[in-house]
PDB file of N, CA and C in Angstrom:
ATOM      1  N   MET A   1      35.256   4.691  -6.236  1.00  0.00           N
ATOM      2  CA  MET A   1      35.366   6.264  -5.836  1.00  0.00           C
ATOM      3  C   MET A   1      36.522   6.705  -6.630  1.00  0.00           C
ATOM      4  N   SER A   2      36.413   7.865  -6.982  1.00  0.00           N
ATOM      5  CA  SER A   2      37.416   8.166  -7.772  1.00  0.00           C
ATOM      6  C   SER A   2      38.532   8.946  -6.637  1.00  0.00           C
ATOM      7  N   SER A   3      39.622   9.244  -7.014  1.00  0.00           N
ATOM      8  CA  SER A   3      40.910   9.580  -5.928  1.00  0.00           C
ATOM      9  C   SER A   3      41.156  10.691  -6.644  1.00  0.00           C
ATOM     10  N   ASP A   4      40.582  11.389  -7.521  1.00  0.00           N
ATOM     11  CA  ASP A   4      40.990  12.672  -7.763  1.00  0.00           C
ATOM     12  C   ASP A   4      40.803  13.794  -6.923  1.00  0.00           C
ATOM     13  N   PRO A   5      41.626  14.289  -6.702  1.00  0.00           N
ATOM     14  CA  PRO A   5      41.095  15.332  -5.614  1.00  0.00           C
ATOM     15  C   PRO A   5      40.541  16.671  -5.986  1.00  0.00           C
ATOM     16  N   HIS A   6      40.167  16.635  -7.393  1.00  0.00           N
ATOM     17  CA  HIS A   6      39.169  17.613  -7.922  1.00  0.00           C
ATOM     18  C   HIS A   6      37.866  17.355  -8.206  1.00  0.00           C
ATOM     19  N   ASN A   7      37.606  16.304  -7.641  1.00  0.00           N
ATOM     20  CA  ASN A   7      36.489  15.575  -7.906  1.00  0.00           C
ATOM     21  C   ASN A   7      35.593  16.242  -6.730  1.00  0.00           C
ATOM     22  N   PRO A   8      34.816  16.783  -6.740  1.00  0.00           N
ATOM     23  CA  PRO A   8      33.729  17.404  -5.512  1.00  0.00           C
ATOM     24  C   PRO A   8      33.526  16.495  -4.340  1.00  0.00           C
ATOM     25  N   PHE A   9      33.406  15.227  -4.544  1.00  0.00           N
ATOM     26  CA  PHE A   9      32.868  14.522  -3.257  1.00  0.00           C
ATOM     27  C   PHE A   9      34.236  14.334  -2.666  1.00  0.00           C
ATOM     28  N   ILE A  10      35.468  13.803  -3.273  1.00  0.00           N
ATOM     29  CA  ILE A  10      36.539  14.115  -2.625  1.00  0.00           C
ATOM     30  C   ILE A  10      37.366  15.591  -1.819  1.00  0.00           C
ATOM     31  N   ALA A  11      37.060  16.452  -2.641  1.00  0.00           N
ATOM     32  CA  ALA A  11      37.091  17.421  -2.068  1.00  0.00           C
ATOM     33  C   ALA A  11      36.285  18.192  -0.690  1.00  0.00           C
ATOM     34  N   ARG A  12      34.904  17.949  -0.991  1.00  0.00           N
ATOM     35  CA  ARG A  12      34.150  18.525   0.241  1.00  0.00           C
ATOM     36  C   ARG A  12      34.468  16.853   1.364  1.00  0.00           C
ATOM     37  N   SER A  13      34.913  16.028   1.338  1.00  0.00           N
ATOM     38  CA  SER A  13      35.005  15.019   2.301  1.00  0.00           C
ATOM     39  C   SER A  13      36.026  15.074   2.953  1.00  0.00           C
ATOM     40  N   ALA A  14      37.491  16.051   2.022  1.00  0.00           N
ATOM     41  CA  ALA A  14      38.261  16.137   2.719  1.00  0.00           C
ATOM     42  C   ALA A  14      38.417  16.985   3.897  1.00  0.00           C
ATOM     43  N   ARG A  15      37.251  18.198   3.717  1.00  0.00           N
ATOM     44  CA  ARG A  15      37.280  19.452   4.817  1.00  0.00           C
ATOM     45  C   ARG A  15      36.118  18.568   5.861  1.00  0.00           C
ATOM     46  N   SER A  16      35.302  17.375   5.645  1.00  0.00           N
ATOM     47  CA  SER A  16      34.280  17.598   6.538  1.00  0.00           C
ATOM     48  C   SER A  16      34.225  16.039   7.254  1.00  0.00           C
ATOM     49  N   VAL A  17      33.278  15.915   8.112  1.00  0.00           N
ATOM     50  CA  VAL A  17      32.467  14.718   8.513  1.00  0.00           C
ATOM     51  C   VAL A  17      31.454  14.272   7.710  1.00  0.00           C
ATOM     52  N   LEU A  18      31.265  13.008   7.126  1.00  0.00           N
ATOM     53  CA  LEU A  18      30.147  12.441   6.635  1.00  0.00           C
ATOM     54  C   LEU A  18      29.531  11.549   7.850  1.00  0.00           C
ATOM     55  N   MET A  19      28.392  11.861   8.119  1.00  0.00           N
ATOM     56  CA  MET A  19      27.383  11.204   9.371  1.00  0.00           C
ATOM     57  C   MET A  19      26.535  10.523   8.318  1.00  0.00           C
ATOM     58  N   ALA A  20      26.106   9.357   8.889  1.00  0.00           N
ATOM     59  CA  ALA A  20      25.035   8.704   8.484  1.00  0.00           C
ATOM     60  C   ALA A  20      24.444   8.060  10.050  1.00  0.00           C
ATOM     61  N   ARG A  21      23.081   7.703   9.692  1.00  0.00           N
ATOM     62  CA  ARG A  21      22.720   6.939  10.885  1.00  0.00           C
ATOM     63  C   ARG A  21      21.793   5.851  10.106  1.00  0.00           C
ATOM     64  N   PHE A  22      22.013   4.375  10.911  1.00  0.00           N
ATOM     65  CA  PHE A  22      21.452   3.326  10.400  1.00  0.00           C
ATOM     66  C   PHE A  22      20.436   3.072  11.457  1.00  0.00           C
ATOM     67  N   ALA A  23      19.610   2.002  11.275  1.00  0.00           N
ATOM     68  CA  ALA A  23      18.375   1.025  11.962  1.00  0.00           C
ATOM     69  C   ALA A  23      18.943  -0.062  12.162  1.00  0.00           C
ATOM     70  N   VAL A  24      19.205  -0.955  12.981  1.00  0.00           N
ATOM     71  CA  VAL A  24      19.674  -2.090  13.018  1.00  0.00           C
ATOM     72  C   VAL A  24      18.680  -3.039  14.402  1.00  0.00           C
ATOM     73  N   LEU A  25      17.936  -4.150  13.470  1.00  0.00           N
ATOM     74  CA  LEU A  25      17.144  -5.119  14.238  1.00  0.00           C
ATOM     75  C   LEU A  25      17.994  -6.050  14.764  1.00  0.00           C
ATOM     76  N   VAL A  26      18.214  -6.169  15.941  1.00  0.00           N
ATOM     77  CA  VAL A  26      19.233  -7.431  16.495  1.00  0.00           C
ATOM     78  C   VAL A  26      18.202  -8.354  17.370  1.00  0.00           C
ATOM     79  N   ASP A  27      18.327  -9.489  16.853  1.00  0.00           N
ATOM     80  CA  ASP A  27      17.619 -10.969  17.554  1.00  0.00           C
ATOM     81  C   ASP A  27      18.339 -10.948  19.149  1.00  0.00           C
ATOM     82  N   ALA A  28      17.623 -11.813  20.379  1.00  0.00           N
ATOM     83  CA  ALA A  28      17.902 -11.959  21.550  1.00  0.00           C
ATOM     84  C   ALA A  28      18.978 -12.622  21.273  1.00  0.00           C
ATOM     85  N   ASP A  29      19.471 -13.187  20.686  1.00  0.00           N
ATOM     86  CA  ASP A  29      20.969 -13.741  20.665  1.00  0.00           C
ATOM     87  C   ASP A  29      22.031 -12.904  20.246  1.00  0.00           C
ATOM     88  N   GLY A  30      21.534 -11.536  19.494  1.00  0.00           N
ATOM     89  CA  GLY A  30      22.604 -10.624  19.422  1.00  0.00           C
ATOM     90  C   GLY A  30      22.928 -10.677  17.916  1.00  0.00           C
ATOM     91  N   ARG A  31      22.324 -11.517  16.911  1.00  0.00           N
ATOM     92  CA  ARG A  31      22.521 -11.580  15.886  1.00  0.00           C
ATOM     93  C   ARG A  31      21.727 -10.408  14.980  1.00  0.00           C
ATOM     94  N   VAL A  32      22.221  -9.720  14.109  1.00  0.00           N
ATOM     95  CA  VAL A  32      21.538  -8.635  13.246  1.00  0.00           C
ATOM     96  C   VAL A  32      20.543  -9.190  12.311  1.00  0.00           C
ATOM     97  N   LEU A  33      19.314  -8.970  12.519  1.00  0.00           N
ATOM     98  CA  LEU A  33      18.254  -9.690  11.554  1.00  0.00           C
ATOM     99  C   LEU A  33      17.991  -8.515  10.271  1.00  0.00           C
ATOM    100  N   ASP A  34      18.255  -7.402  10.524  1.00  0.00           N
ATOM    101  CA  ASP A  34      18.028  -6.433   9.292  1.00  0.00           C
ATOM    102  C   ASP A  34      18.744  -4.836   9.937  1.00  0.00           C
ATOM    103  N   ALA A  35      18.989  -4.509   8.673  1.00  0.00           N
ATOM    104  CA  ALA A  35      19.984  -3.040   9.035  1.00  0.00           C
ATOM    105  C   ALA A  35      19.302  -2.411   7.777  1.00  0.00           C
ATOM    106  N   HIS A  36      19.191  -0.919   7.984  1.00  0.00           N
ATOM    107  CA  HIS A  36      18.874  -0.006   7.143  1.00  0.00           C
ATOM    108  C   HIS A  36      19.131   1.311   7.186  1.00  0.00           C
ATOM    109  N   VAL A  37      19.466   2.104   5.679  1.00  0.00           N
ATOM    110  CA  VAL A  37      19.877   3.518   6.310  1.00  0.00           C
ATOM    111  C   VAL A  37      18.618   4.238   6.847  1.00  0.00           C
ATOM    112  N   ALA A  38      18.682   4.975   7.732  1.00  0.00           N
ATOM    113  CA  ALA A  38      17.658   5.814   8.404  1.00  0.00           C
ATOM    114  C   ALA A  38      18.207   6.983   8.180  1.00  0.00           C
ATOM    115  N   ALA A  39      19.236   7.471   7.919  1.00  0.00           N
ATOM    116  CA  ALA A  39      19.734   8.686   7.621  1.00  0.00           C
ATOM    117  C   ALA A  39      20.954   8.788   6.749  1.00  0.00           C
ATOM    118  N   ARG A  40      21.049   9.309   5.387  1.00  0.00           N
ATOM    119  CA  ARG A  40      22.025   9.142   4.470  1.00  0.00           C
ATOM    120  C   ARG A  40      23.355  10.202   4.511  1.00  0.00           C
ATOM    121  N   SER A  41      24.309   9.670   4.413  1.00  0.00           N
ATOM    122  CA  SER A  41      25.787  10.265   4.938  1.00  0.00           C
ATOM    123  C   SER A  41      25.936  11.500   3.513  1.00  0.00           C
ATOM    124  N   GLY A  42      24.842  11.478   2.473  1.00  0.00           N
ATOM    125  CA  GLY A  42      24.922  12.635   1.667  1.00  0.00           C
ATOM    126  C   GLY A  42      24.090  11.926   0.180  1.00  0.00           C
ATOM    127  N   HIS A  43      24.009  12.687  -0.751  1.00  0.00           N
ATOM    128  CA  HIS A  43      23.313  12.385  -2.096  1.00  0.00           C
ATOM    129  C   HIS A  43      24.058  12.325  -3.486  1.00  0.00           C
ATOM    130  N   GLU A  44      25.306  12.550  -3.019  1.00  0.00           N
ATOM    131  CA  GLU A  44      26.178  12.097  -4.416  1.00  0.00           C
ATOM    132  C   GLU A  44      26.091  10.224  -4.725  1.00  0.00           C
ATOM    133  N   PRO A  45      26.380   9.970  -5.527  1.00  0.00           N
ATOM    134  CA  PRO A  45      26.656   8.202  -6.033  1.00  0.00           C
ATOM    135  C   PRO A  45      27.351   7.749  -5.049  1.00  0.00           C
ATOM    136  N   GLU A  46      28.571   8.402  -4.890  1.00  0.00           N
ATOM    137  CA  GLU A  46      29.587   8.049  -3.958  1.00  0.00           C
ATOM    138  C   GLU A  46      28.758   7.455  -2.291  1.00  0.00           C
ATOM    139  N   ASN A  47      27.975   8.383  -2.006  1.00  0.00           N
ATOM    140  CA  ASN A  47      27.067   8.237  -0.475  1.00  0.00           C
ATOM    141  C   ASN A  47      26.713   6.948  -0.589  1.00  0.00           C
ATOM    142  N   PHE A  48      25.733   6.878  -2.133  1.00  0.00           N
ATOM    143  CA  PHE A  48      25.005   5.840  -1.391  1.00  0.00           C
ATOM    144  C   PHE A  48      25.538   4.383  -1.601  1.00  0.00           C
ATOM    145  N   LEU A  49      26.931   4.607  -2.447  1.00  0.00           N
ATOM    146  CA  LEU A  49      27.784   3.299  -2.210  1.00  0.00           C
ATOM    147  C   LEU A  49      28.392   3.129  -0.747  1.00  0.00           C
ATOM    148  N   LEU A  50      28.850   3.772  -0.518  1.00  0.00           N
ATOM    149  CA  LEU A  50      29.551   4.270   1.151  1.00  0.00           C
ATOM    150  C   LEU A  50      28.532   3.676   2.215  1.00  0.00           C
ATOM    151  N   ASP A  51      27.208   4.083   1.891  1.00  0.00           N
ATOM    152  CA  ASP A  51      26.328   3.827   2.708  1.00  0.00           C
ATOM    153  C   ASP A  51      25.769   2.194   3.094  1.00  0.00           C
ATOM    154  N   GLY A  52      25.773   1.878   1.379  1.00  0.00           N
ATOM    155  CA  GLY A  52      25.259   0.524   1.508  1.00  0.00           C
ATOM    156  C   GLY A  52      26.437  -0.712   1.941  1.00  0.00           C
ATOM    157  N   ALA A  53      27.621  -0.436   1.651  1.00  0.00           N
ATOM    158  CA  ALA A  53      28.731  -0.827   2.265  1.00  0.00           C
ATOM    159  C   ALA A  53      28.678  -0.774   4.186  1.00  0.00           C
ATOM    160  N   LEU A  54      28.433   0.226   4.228  1.00  0.00           N
ATOM    161  CA  LEU A  54      28.250   0.422   5.816  1.00  0.00           C
ATOM    162  C   LEU A  54      26.944  -0.342   6.536  1.00  0.00           C
ATOM    163  N   VAL A  55      25.873  -0.526   5.505  1.00  0.00           N
ATOM    164  CA  VAL A  55      24.913  -1.528   5.954  1.00  0.00           C
ATOM    165  C   VAL A  55      25.393  -3.274   5.485  1.00  0.00           C
ATOM    166  N   GLU A  56      26.157  -3.438   4.827  1.00  0.00           N
ATOM    167  CA  GLU A  56      26.383  -4.779   4.936  1.00  0.00           C
ATOM    168  C   GLU A  56      27.532  -4.911   5.711  1.00  0.00           C
ATOM    169  N   ALA A  57      28.493  -4.071   6.539  1.00  0.00           N
ATOM    170  CA  ALA A  57      29.407  -4.070   7.371  1.00  0.00           C
ATOM    171  C   ALA A  57      28.569  -4.252   8.603  1.00  0.00           C
ATOM    172  N   LEU A  58      27.455  -3.999   9.187  1.00  0.00           N
ATOM    173  CA  LEU A  58      26.629  -3.751  10.220  1.00  0.00           C
ATOM    174  C   LEU A  58      26.033  -5.261  10.146  1.00  0.00           C
ATOM    175  N   ARG A  59      25.488  -5.881   9.172  1.00  0.00           N
ATOM    176  CA  ARG A  59      24.936  -7.138   9.068  1.00  0.00           C
ATOM    177  C   ARG A  59      25.917  -8.195   9.648  1.00  0.00           C
ATOM    178  N   ARG A  60      27.445  -7.886   9.583  1.00  0.00           N
ATOM    179  CA  ARG A  60      28.202  -8.859  10.084  1.00  0.00           C
ATOM    180  C   ARG A  60      28.403  -8.780  11.377  1.00  0.00           C
ATOM    181  N   PHE A  61      27.721  -7.277  12.129  1.00  0.00           N
ATOM    182  CA  PHE A  61      28.252  -7.262  13.786  1.00  0.00           C
ATOM    183  C   PHE A  61      27.378  -7.941  14.641  1.00  0.00           C
ATOM    184  N   HIS A  62      27.656  -8.459  15.539  1.00  0.00           N
ATOM    185  CA  HIS A  62      27.260  -9.119  16.587  1.00  0.00           C
ATOM    186  C   HIS A  62      27.001  -8.261  18.191  1.00  0.00           C
ATOM    187  N   PHE A  63      25.893  -7.723  18.469  1.00  0.00           N
ATOM    188  CA  PHE A  63      25.655  -7.071  19.449  1.00  0.00           C
ATOM    189  C   PHE A  63      25.352  -7.887  20.697  1.00  0.00           C
ATOM    190  N   LEU A  64      25.526  -7.011  22.046  1.00  0.00           N
ATOM    191  CA  LEU A  64      24.577  -7.412  22.905  1.00  0.00           C
ATOM    192  C   LEU A  64      23.352  -7.060  23.048  1.00  0.00           C
ATOM    193  N   PRO A  65      22.260  -7.955  23.068  1.00  0.00           N
ATOM    194  CA  PRO A  65      21.047  -7.788  23.151  1.00  0.00           C
ATOM    195  C   PRO A  65      20.585  -6.870  24.209  1.00  0.00           C
ATOM    196  N   ALA A  66      19.237  -6.187  23.836  1.00  0.00           N
ATOM    197  CA  ALA A  66      18.678  -5.568  24.927  1.00  0.00           C
ATOM    198  C   ALA A  66      18.002  -6.311  25.681  1.00  0.00           C
ATOM    199  N   HIS A  67      17.677  -6.356  27.073  1.00  0.00           N
ATOM    200  CA  HIS A  67      17.179  -7.326  28.103  1.00  0.00           C
ATOM    201  C   HIS A  67      15.698  -6.535  29.120  1.00  0.00           C
ATOM    202  N   ALA A  68      14.915  -7.427  29.168  1.00  0.00           N
ATOM    203  CA  ALA A  68      13.691  -6.910  29.847  1.00  0.00           C
ATOM    204  C   ALA A  68      13.409  -8.261  30.668  1.00  0.00           C
ATOM    205  N   ALA A  69      13.009  -7.668  32.161  1.00  0.00           N
ATOM    206  CA  ALA A  69      13.037  -8.332  33.318  1.00  0.00           C
ATOM    207  C   ALA A  69      13.818  -9.789  33.140  1.00  0.00           C
ATOM    208  N   GLY A  70      15.492  -9.067  33.024  1.00  0.00           N
ATOM    209  CA  GLY A  70      16.437 -10.334  33.083  1.00  0.00           C
ATOM    210  C   GLY A  70      16.618 -11.246  31.484  1.00  0.00           C
ATOM    211  N   HIS A  71      15.877 -10.618  30.730  1.00  0.00           N
ATOM    212  CA  HIS A  71      15.720 -12.137  29.211  1.00  0.00           C
ATOM    213  C   HIS A  71      16.297 -10.755  28.176  1.00  0.00           C
ATOM    214  N   PRO A  72      17.165 -11.840  27.398  1.00  0.00           N
ATOM    215  CA  PRO A  72      17.301 -10.927  26.376  1.00  0.00           C
ATOM    216  C   PRO A  72      16.039 -10.846  25.195  1.00  0.00           C
ATOM    217  N   GLN A  73      16.393  -9.658  24.290  1.00  0.00           N
ATOM    218  CA  GLN A  73      14.930  -9.324  23.893  1.00  0.00           C
ATOM    219  C   GLN A  73      15.381  -9.014  22.309  1.00  0.00           C
ATOM    220  N   ARG A  74      14.479  -8.869  21.590  1.00  0.00           N
ATOM    221  CA  ARG A  74      14.810  -8.788  19.932  1.00  0.00           C
ATOM    222  C   ARG A  74      14.500  -7.113  20.105  1.00  0.00           C
ATOM    223  N   GLY A  75      15.145  -6.511  19.532  1.00  0.00           N
ATOM    224  CA  GLY A  75      15.049  -4.750  19.539  1.00  0.00           C
ATOM    225  C   GLY A  75      15.685  -3.996  18.418  1.00  0.00           C
ATOM    226  N   TRP A  76      15.076  -3.058  17.965  1.00  0.00           N
ATOM    227  CA  TRP A  76      15.518  -1.997  17.486  1.00  0.00           C
ATOM    228  C   TRP A  76      16.881  -1.346  18.044  1.00  0.00           C
ATOM    229  N   SER A  77      17.806  -0.928  17.092  1.00  0.00           N
ATOM    230  CA  SER A  77      18.918   0.071  17.525  1.00  0.00           C
ATOM    231  C   SER A  77      19.404   0.953  16.638  1.00  0.00           C
ATOM    232  N   THR A  78      19.828   2.395  16.987  1.00  0.00           N
ATOM    233  CA  THR A  78      20.274   3.222  16.018  1.00  0.00           C
ATOM    234  C   THR A  78      21.910   3.173  15.972  1.00  0.00           C
ATOM    235  N   VAL A  79      22.096   3.060  15.292  1.00  0.00           N
ATOM    236  CA  VAL A  79      23.842   3.269  15.209  1.00  0.00           C
ATOM    237  C   VAL A  79      24.344   4.398  14.273  1.00  0.00           C
ATOM    238  N   GLU A  80      24.970   5.297  14.753  1.00  0.00           N
ATOM    239  CA  GLU A  80      25.339   6.384  13.896  1.00  0.00           C
ATOM    240  C   GLU A  80      26.879   6.646  13.602  1.00  0.00           C
ATOM    241  N   CYS A  81      27.182   6.778  12.395  1.00  0.00           N
ATOM    242  CA  CYS A  81      28.574   6.441  12.160  1.00  0.00           C
ATOM    243  C   CYS A  81      29.222   7.973  11.197  1.00  0.00           C
ATOM    244  N   ALA A  82      30.415   8.391  12.376  1.00  0.00           N
ATOM    245  CA  ALA A  82      31.038   9.082  11.585  1.00  0.00           C
ATOM    246  C   ALA A  82      32.380   9.171  10.910  1.00  0.00           C
ATOM    247  N   LEU A  83      32.200   9.557   9.697  1.00  0.00           N
ATOM    248  CA  LEU A  83      33.444   9.123   8.429  1.00  0.00           C
ATOM    249  C   LEU A  83      34.341  10.354   8.573  1.00  0.00           C
ATOM    250  N   HIS A  84      35.576  10.034   8.861  1.00  0.00           N
ATOM    251  CA  HIS A  84      36.630  11.382   9.158  1.00  0.00           C
ATOM    252  C   HIS A  84      37.422  11.039   7.599  1.00  0.00           C
ATOM    253  N   LEU A  85      36.995  11.587   6.644  1.00  0.00           N
ATOM    254  CA  LEU A  85      37.728  11.175   5.526  1.00  0.00           C
ATOM    255  C   LEU A  85      38.746  12.566   5.119  1.00  0.00           C
ATOM    256  N   GLY A  86      39.783  11.990   4.374  1.00  0.00           N
ATOM    257  CA  GLY A  86      41.130  12.934   4.316  1.00  0.00           C
ATOM    258  C   GLY A  86      42.202  12.220   4.023  1.00  0.00           C
ATOM    259  N   ALA A  87      43.321  13.002   4.584  1.00  0.00           N
ATOM    260  CA  ALA A  87      44.536  12.473   4.688  1.00  0.00           C
ATOM    261  C   ALA A  87      44.749  11.229   5.700  1.00  0.00           C
ATOM    262  N   SER A  88      44.162  11.146   6.469  1.00  0.00           N
ATOM    263  CA  SER A  88      44.405   9.589   7.451  1.00  0.00           C
ATOM    264  C   SER A  88      42.726   9.319   7.785  1.00  0.00           C
ATOM    265  N   PRO A  89      42.162   8.607   6.693  1.00  0.00           N
ATOM    266  CA  PRO A  89      40.460   7.847   7.221  1.00  0.00           C
ATOM    267  C   PRO A  89      40.295   7.521   8.159  1.00  0.00           C
ATOM    268  N   GLN A  90      39.322   7.556   8.912  1.00  0.00           N
ATOM    269  CA  GLN A  90      38.919   6.871  10.181  1.00  0.00           C
ATOM    270  C   GLN A  90      37.565   6.573   9.954  1.00  0.00           C
ATOM    271  N   ALA A  91      37.080   5.681  10.931  1.00  0.00           N
ATOM    272  CA  ALA A  91      35.593   5.833  11.001  1.00  0.00           C
ATOM    273  C   ALA A  91      35.449   5.236  12.058  1.00  0.00           C
ATOM    274  N   GLU A  92      34.507   5.555  12.545  1.00  0.00           N
ATOM    275  CA  GLU A  92      33.626   5.533  13.948  1.00  0.00           C
ATOM    276  C   GLU A  92      32.428   4.974  14.139  1.00  0.00           C
ATOM    277  N   MET A  93      32.082   3.845  14.652  1.00  0.00           N
ATOM    278  CA  MET A  93      30.290   3.776  14.422  1.00  0.00           C
ATOM    279  C   MET A  93      30.002   3.468  16.057  1.00  0.00           C
ATOM    280  N   GLN A  94      28.932   4.078  16.284  1.00  0.00           N
ATOM    281  CA  GLN A  94      28.529   4.358  17.791  1.00  0.00           C
ATOM    282  C   GLN A  94      26.758   3.847  17.612  1.00  0.00           C
ATOM    283  N   PRO A  95      27.153   2.708  18.528  1.00  0.00           N
ATOM    284  CA  PRO A  95      25.232   2.248  18.882  1.00  0.00           C
ATOM    285  C   PRO A  95      24.506   2.929  19.750  1.00  0.00           C
ATOM    286  N   ARG A  96      23.472   3.571  19.404  1.00  0.00           N
ATOM    287  CA  ARG A  96      22.531   4.287  20.179  1.00  0.00           C
ATOM    288  C   ARG A  96      21.411   3.585  20.424  1.00  0.00           C
ATOM    289  N   SER A  97      20.877   3.165  21.797  1.00  0.00           N
ATOM    290  CA  SER A  97      19.360   2.842  21.605  1.00  0.00           C
ATOM    291  C   SER A  97      18.965   3.098  22.950  1.00  0.00           C
ATOM    292  N   GLN A  98      17.673   3.027  23.059  1.00  0.00           N
ATOM    293  CA  GLN A  98      16.825   3.191  24.343  1.00  0.00           C
ATOM    294  C   GLN A  98      16.622   1.662  24.733  1.00  0.00           C
ATOM    295  N   ALA A  99      16.824   1.067  23.974  1.00  0.00           N
ATOM    296  CA  ALA A  99      16.394  -0.625  24.192  1.00  0.00           C
ATOM    297  C   ALA A  99      17.608  -1.084  25.073  1.00  0.00           C
ATOM    298  N   GLY A 100      18.945  -0.273  25.105  1.00  0.00           N
ATOM    299  CA  GLY A 100      19.854  -0.830  25.942  1.00  0.00           C
ATOM    300  C   GLY A 100      20.952  -1.771  24.986  1.00  0.00           C
ATOM    301  N   LEU A 101      20.770  -1.956  23.782  1.00  0.00           N
ATOM    302  CA  LEU A 101      21.846  -2.652  22.753  1.00  0.00           C
ATOM    303  C   LEU A 101      23.524  -2.135  22.840  1.00  0.00           C
ATOM    304  N   SER A 102      24.193  -2.844  22.954  1.00  0.00           N
ATOM    305  CA  SER A 102      25.412  -2.172  22.587  1.00  0.00           C
ATOM    306  C   SER A 102      26.269  -3.493  21.772  1.00  0.00           C
ATOM    307  N   ASP A 103      27.194  -2.885  21.160  1.00  0.00           N
ATOM    308  CA  ASP A 103      27.885  -3.071  19.796  1.00  0.00           C
ATOM    309  C   ASP A 103      28.914  -4.367  20.709  1.00  0.00           C
ATOM    310  N   ARG A 104      28.977  -5.612  20.457  1.00  0.00           N
ATOM    311  CA  ARG A 104      30.161  -6.563  20.611  1.00  0.00           C
ATOM    312  C   ARG A 104      30.871  -7.215  18.994  1.00  0.00           C
ATOM    313  N   ARG A 105      31.398  -6.503  18.723  1.00  0.00           N
ATOM    314  CA  ARG A 105      32.146  -6.929  17.259  1.00  0.00           C
ATOM    315  C   ARG A 105      32.924  -8.766  17.759  1.00  0.00           C
ATOM    316  N   SER A 106      32.304  -9.403  16.849  1.00  0.00           N
ATOM    317  CA  SER A 106      33.238 -10.705  17.202  1.00  0.00           C
ATOM    318  C   SER A 106      33.538 -11.560  15.607  1.00  0.00           C
TER     319      SER A 106
END
Protein backbone atom coordinates (compact mmCIF):
# COMPACT_ATOMS: atom_id res chain seq x y z
CA MET A 1 0.00 0.00 0.00
CA SER A 2 1.32 3.43 -0.89
CA SER A 3 2.18 5.87 1.89
CA ASP A 4 1.73 8.85 -0.45
CA PRO A 5 -0.79 11.23 1.22
CA HIS A 6 -1.99 12.21 -2.27
CA ASN A 7 -3.06 8.62 -3.00
CA PRO A 8 -6.89 8.69 -3.04
CA PHE A 9 -7.13 5.57 -0.83
CA ILE A 10 -4.83 7.08 1.83
CA ALA A 11 -6.58 10.46 1.69
CA ARG A 12 -10.04 8.86 2.06
CA SER A 13 -9.00 6.50 4.82
CA ALA A 14 -7.38 9.33 6.83
CA ARG A 15 -10.82 10.94 7.10
CA SER A 16 -12.98 7.88 7.63
CA VAL A 17 -13.41 4.47 9.14
CA LEU A 18 -13.26 1.38 6.94
CA MET A 19 -15.86 -1.22 7.86
CA ALA A 20 -15.81 -4.85 6.79
CA ARG A 21 -17.90 -7.87 7.78
CA PHE A 22 -16.74 -11.50 7.78
CA ALA A 23 -18.54 -14.83 8.10
CA VAL A 24 -16.68 -17.31 10.31
CA LEU A 25 -17.48 -21.01 10.78
CA VAL A 26 -16.31 -22.14 14.23
CA ASP A 27 -16.02 -25.81 15.20
CA ALA A 28 -17.22 -27.16 18.56
CA ASP A 29 -13.65 -26.88 19.87
CA GLY A 30 -13.39 -23.19 18.89
CA ARG A 31 -11.19 -23.63 15.80
CA VAL A 32 -12.03 -21.58 12.73
CA LEU A 33 -13.00 -23.96 9.93
CA ASP A 34 -13.85 -21.32 7.34
CA ALA A 35 -13.76 -17.54 7.05
CA HIS A 36 -14.70 -15.28 4.19
CA VAL A 37 -15.63 -11.68 3.45
CA ALA A 38 -19.35 -11.00 3.79
CA ALA A 39 -19.11 -7.23 3.14
CA ARG A 40 -15.93 -5.63 1.78
CA SER A 41 -14.26 -2.58 3.27
CA GLY A 42 -14.26 -0.92 -0.16
CA HIS A 43 -13.64 -1.42 -3.85
CA GLU A 44 -10.07 -0.16 -4.26
CA PRO A 45 -7.29 -2.74 -4.83
CA GLU A 46 -5.94 -1.88 -1.37
CA ASN A 47 -9.29 -2.84 0.20
CA PHE A 48 -9.14 -6.30 -1.37
CA LEU A 49 -5.64 -6.81 0.04
CA LEU A 50 -6.69 -5.55 3.46
CA ASP A 51 -9.80 -7.75 3.57
CA GLY A 52 -7.74 -10.78 2.56
CA ALA A 53 -5.24 -10.11 5.34
CA LEU A 54 -8.09 -9.83 7.87
CA VAL A 55 -9.52 -13.19 6.72
CA GLU A 56 -6.11 -14.78 7.26
CA ALA A 57 -5.89 -13.22 10.73
CA LEU A 58 -9.38 -14.52 11.62
CA ARG A 59 -8.34 -18.04 10.61
CA ARG A 60 -5.79 -17.94 13.47
CA PHE A 61 -8.32 -16.83 16.11
CA HIS A 62 -9.78 -19.24 18.63
CA PHE A 63 -13.40 -18.66 19.64
CA LEU A 64 -15.61 -19.89 22.44
CA PRO A 65 -18.08 -22.07 20.53
CA ALA A 66 -21.83 -21.74 20.59
CA HIS A 67 -23.66 -24.11 22.93
CA ALA A 68 -26.94 -25.96 22.54
CA ALA A 69 -28.36 -28.05 25.38
CA GLY A 70 -25.11 -27.51 27.27
CA HIS A 71 -22.90 -28.92 24.51
CA PRO A 72 -20.51 -26.99 22.24
CA GLN A 73 -21.74 -26.79 18.65
CA ARG A 74 -20.28 -25.86 15.30
CA GLY A 75 -21.77 -22.58 14.11
CA TRP A 76 -21.42 -19.54 11.92
CA SER A 77 -20.64 -16.14 13.38
CA THR A 78 -20.37 -12.67 11.93
CA VAL A 79 -17.31 -10.59 12.76
CA GLU A 80 -17.40 -6.88 12.02
CA CYS A 81 -14.14 -5.02 11.72
CA ALA A 82 -13.78 -1.24 11.99
CA LEU A 83 -10.42 0.06 10.81
CA HIS A 84 -9.52 3.58 11.87
CA LEU A 85 -6.69 4.60 9.53
CA GLY A 86 -4.79 7.83 9.79
CA ALA A 87 -2.29 9.32 12.22
CA SER A 88 -2.73 6.56 14.82
CA PRO A 89 -4.02 3.38 13.14
CA GLN A 90 -6.27 1.15 15.22
CA ALA A 91 -8.23 -1.96 14.39
CA GLU A 92 -11.21 -3.30 16.27
CA MET A 93 -12.82 -6.66 15.60
CA GLN A 94 -16.15 -7.50 17.18
CA PRO A 95 -17.70 -10.96 16.87
CA ARG A 96 -21.46 -10.89 16.57
CA SER A 97 -23.57 -13.94 16.36
CA GLN A 98 -27.00 -15.19 17.17
CA ALA A 99 -25.30 -18.50 17.88
CA GLY A 100 -23.53 -16.99 20.90
CA LEU A 101 -19.92 -17.27 19.70
CA SER A 102 -17.37 -15.07 21.39
CA ASP A 103 -13.75 -14.33 20.58
CA ARG A 104 -11.01 -15.93 22.68
CA ARG A 105 -7.65 -15.01 21.17
CA SER A 106 -4.89 -17.40 22.13
